[in-house]
C-alpha atoms as a PDB file:
ATOM      1  CA  ARG A   1     106.753 100.464 305.484  1.00  0.00           C
ATOM      2  CA  ALA A   2     108.625 102.174 308.272  1.00  0.00           C
ATOM      3  CA  ARG A   3     107.219  99.873 310.922  1.00  0.00           C
ATOM      4  CA  TYR A   4     108.211  96.603 309.186  1.00  0.00           C
ATOM      5  CA  PRO A   5     111.168  97.334 306.891  1.00  0.00           C
ATOM      6  CA  GLU A   6     112.147  93.650 306.520  1.00  0.00           C
ATOM      7  CA  VAL A   7     108.679  92.816 305.185  1.00  0.00           C
ATOM      8  CA  SER A   8     108.679  95.870 302.969  1.00  0.00           C
ATOM      9  CA  ALA A   9     111.986  94.765 301.443  1.00  0.00           C
ATOM     10  CA  ARG A  10     110.628  91.291 300.630  1.00  0.00           C
ATOM     11  CA  TYR A  11     107.326  92.574 299.224  1.00  0.00           C
ATOM     12  CA  PRO A  12     107.964  95.885 297.440  1.00  0.00           C
ATOM     13  CA  GLY A  13     104.386  95.991 296.120  1.00  0.00           C
ATOM     14  CA  GLY A  14     103.012  95.984 299.655  1.00  0.00           C
ATOM     15  CA  ALA A  15     101.852  93.398 302.137  1.00  0.00           C
ATOM     16  CA  TYR A  16      99.408  92.976 304.967  1.00  0.00           C
ATOM     17  CA  VAL A  17     101.294  92.273 308.184  1.00  0.00           C
ATOM     18  CA  LEU A  18      99.588  90.376 310.970  1.00  0.00           C
ATOM     19  CA  ILE A  19     101.646  89.535 314.031  1.00  0.00           C
ATOM     20  CA  GLY A  20     100.927  85.997 315.139  1.00  0.00           C
ATOM     21  CA  GLY A  21      99.739  85.541 318.681  1.00  0.00           C
ATOM     22  CA  ASP A  22      99.696  82.689 321.106  1.00  0.00           C
ATOM     23  CA  LEU A  23      96.700  80.405 320.570  1.00  0.00           C
ATOM     24  CA  GLY A  24      97.735  77.942 323.276  1.00  0.00           C
ATOM     25  CA  PHE A  25      95.752  79.683 326.005  1.00  0.00           C
ATOM     26  CA  SER A  26      92.546  79.854 323.955  1.00  0.00           C
ATOM     27  CA  VAL A  27      92.833  76.274 322.763  1.00  0.00           C
ATOM     28  CA  SER A  28      93.477  74.871 326.235  1.00  0.00           C
ATOM     29  CA  LEU A  29      90.607  76.899 327.719  1.00  0.00           C
ATOM     30  CA  PHE A  30      88.258  75.777 324.948  1.00  0.00           C
ATOM     31  CA  PHE A  31      89.355  72.166 325.448  1.00  0.00           C
ATOM     32  CA  THR A  32      88.667  72.394 329.183  1.00  0.00           C
ATOM     33  CA  CYS A  33      85.229  73.916 328.642  1.00  0.00           C
ATOM     34  CA  SER A  34      84.348  71.313 326.024  1.00  0.00           C
ATOM     35  CA  ILE A  35      85.398  68.434 328.300  1.00  0.00           C
ATOM     36  CA  ILE A  36      83.172  69.838 331.048  1.00  0.00           C
ATOM     37  CA  GLY A  37      80.313  70.183 328.554  1.00  0.00           C
ATOM     38  CA  ILE A  38      80.737  66.611 327.333  1.00  0.00           C
ATOM     39  CA  GLY A  39      80.829  65.504 330.976  1.00  0.00           C
ATOM     40  CA  VAL A  40      77.477  67.222 331.572  1.00  0.00           C
ATOM     41  CA  LEU A  41      75.979  65.470 328.549  1.00  0.00           C
ATOM     42  CA  LEU A  42      77.323  62.085 329.666  1.00  0.00           C
ATOM     43  CA  PHE A  43      76.014  62.651 333.176  1.00  0.00           C
ATOM     44  CA  ARG A  44      72.575  63.485 331.776  1.00  0.00           C
ATOM     45  CA  ARG A  45      72.632  60.420 329.521  1.00  0.00           C
ATOM     46  CA  TYR A  46      73.678  57.850 332.110  1.00  0.00           C
ATOM     47  CA  VAL A  47      72.121  59.269 335.291  1.00  0.00           C
ATOM     48  CA  LEU A  48      68.987  60.997 334.036  1.00  0.00           C
ATOM     49  CA  GLY A  49      68.476  58.927 330.883  1.00  0.00           C
ATOM     50  CA  ALA A  50      68.009  62.034 328.755  1.00  0.00           C
ATOM     51  CA  GLU A  51      70.504  64.266 326.991  1.00  0.00           C
ATOM     52  CA  LEU A  52      68.198  67.044 325.871  1.00  0.00           C
ATOM     53  CA  GLY A  53      64.905  66.282 327.602  1.00  0.00           C
ATOM     54  CA  GLY A  54      64.076  65.144 331.079  1.00  0.00           C
ATOM     55  CA  PRO A  55      62.814  66.998 334.110  1.00  0.00           C
ATOM     56  CA  ASN A  56      62.578  70.778 333.926  1.00  0.00           C
ATOM     57  CA  ARG A  57      64.944  71.332 336.846  1.00  0.00           C
ATOM     58  CA  SER A  58      67.756  69.350 335.182  1.00  0.00           C
ATOM     59  CA  LYS A  59      67.147  71.010 331.811  1.00  0.00           C
ATOM     60  CA  TYR A  60      67.475  74.459 333.331  1.00  0.00           C
ATOM     61  CA  ALA A  61      70.483  73.442 335.400  1.00  0.00           C
ATOM     62  CA  SER A  62      72.249  72.047 332.315  1.00  0.00           C
ATOM     63  CA  SER A  63      71.401  75.165 330.341  1.00  0.00           C
ATOM     64  CA  ALA A  64      72.825  77.320 333.128  1.00  0.00           C
ATOM     65  CA  VAL A  65      76.049  75.263 333.169  1.00  0.00           C
ATOM     66  CA  PHE A  66      76.457  75.555 329.398  1.00  0.00           C
ATOM     67  CA  PHE A  67      75.754  79.288 329.487  1.00  0.00           C
ATOM     68  CA  ALA A  68      78.231  79.741 332.339  1.00  0.00           C
ATOM     69  CA  LEU A  69      80.900  77.815 330.412  1.00  0.00           C
ATOM     70  CA  TRP A  70      80.333  79.951 327.334  1.00  0.00           C
ATOM     71  CA  LEU A  71      80.389  83.166 329.341  1.00  0.00           C
ATOM     72  CA  ALA A  72      83.496  82.122 331.272  1.00  0.00           C
ATOM     73  CA  TYR A  73      85.284  81.309 328.021  1.00  0.00           C
ATOM     74  CA  ILE A  74      84.403  84.630 326.397  1.00  0.00           C
ATOM     75  CA  VAL A  75      85.248  86.732 329.458  1.00  0.00           C
ATOM     76  CA  THR A  76      88.506  84.889 330.137  1.00  0.00           C
ATOM     77  CA  VAL A  77      89.737  85.207 326.558  1.00  0.00           C
ATOM     78  CA  ILE A  78      88.836  88.902 326.443  1.00  0.00           C
ATOM     79  CA  CYS A  79      90.608  89.514 329.750  1.00  0.00           C
ATOM     80  CA  ARG A  80      93.635  87.547 328.593  1.00  0.00           C
ATOM     81  CA  PHE A  81      94.073  89.472 325.375  1.00  0.00           C
ATOM     82  CA  ALA A  82      93.300  92.799 327.011  1.00  0.00           C
ATOM     83  CA  THR A  83      96.214  91.941 329.347  1.00  0.00           C
ATOM     84  CA  ILE A  84      93.996  91.991 332.432  1.00  0.00           C
ATOM     85  CA  ILE A  85      94.995  88.429 333.312  1.00  0.00           C
END
């Protein structure tokens, strides 16, 4: 109540206060990663003729790209909200 007196005045029975953050960074990073992922799938479809199958080397390379995108997203968001970036 002492930390948010204006909210306490509006809700005398109590309230859960959650300060809204900026989602723009996360959304734009997710969008970028998803566009790269879709690009990988389109490349595999039109160049290799296979989205999920195909030669072992390309399957492992695609898996590594997708894992790297996922890891980059997670690490970047954590660093951003831990105020490292």
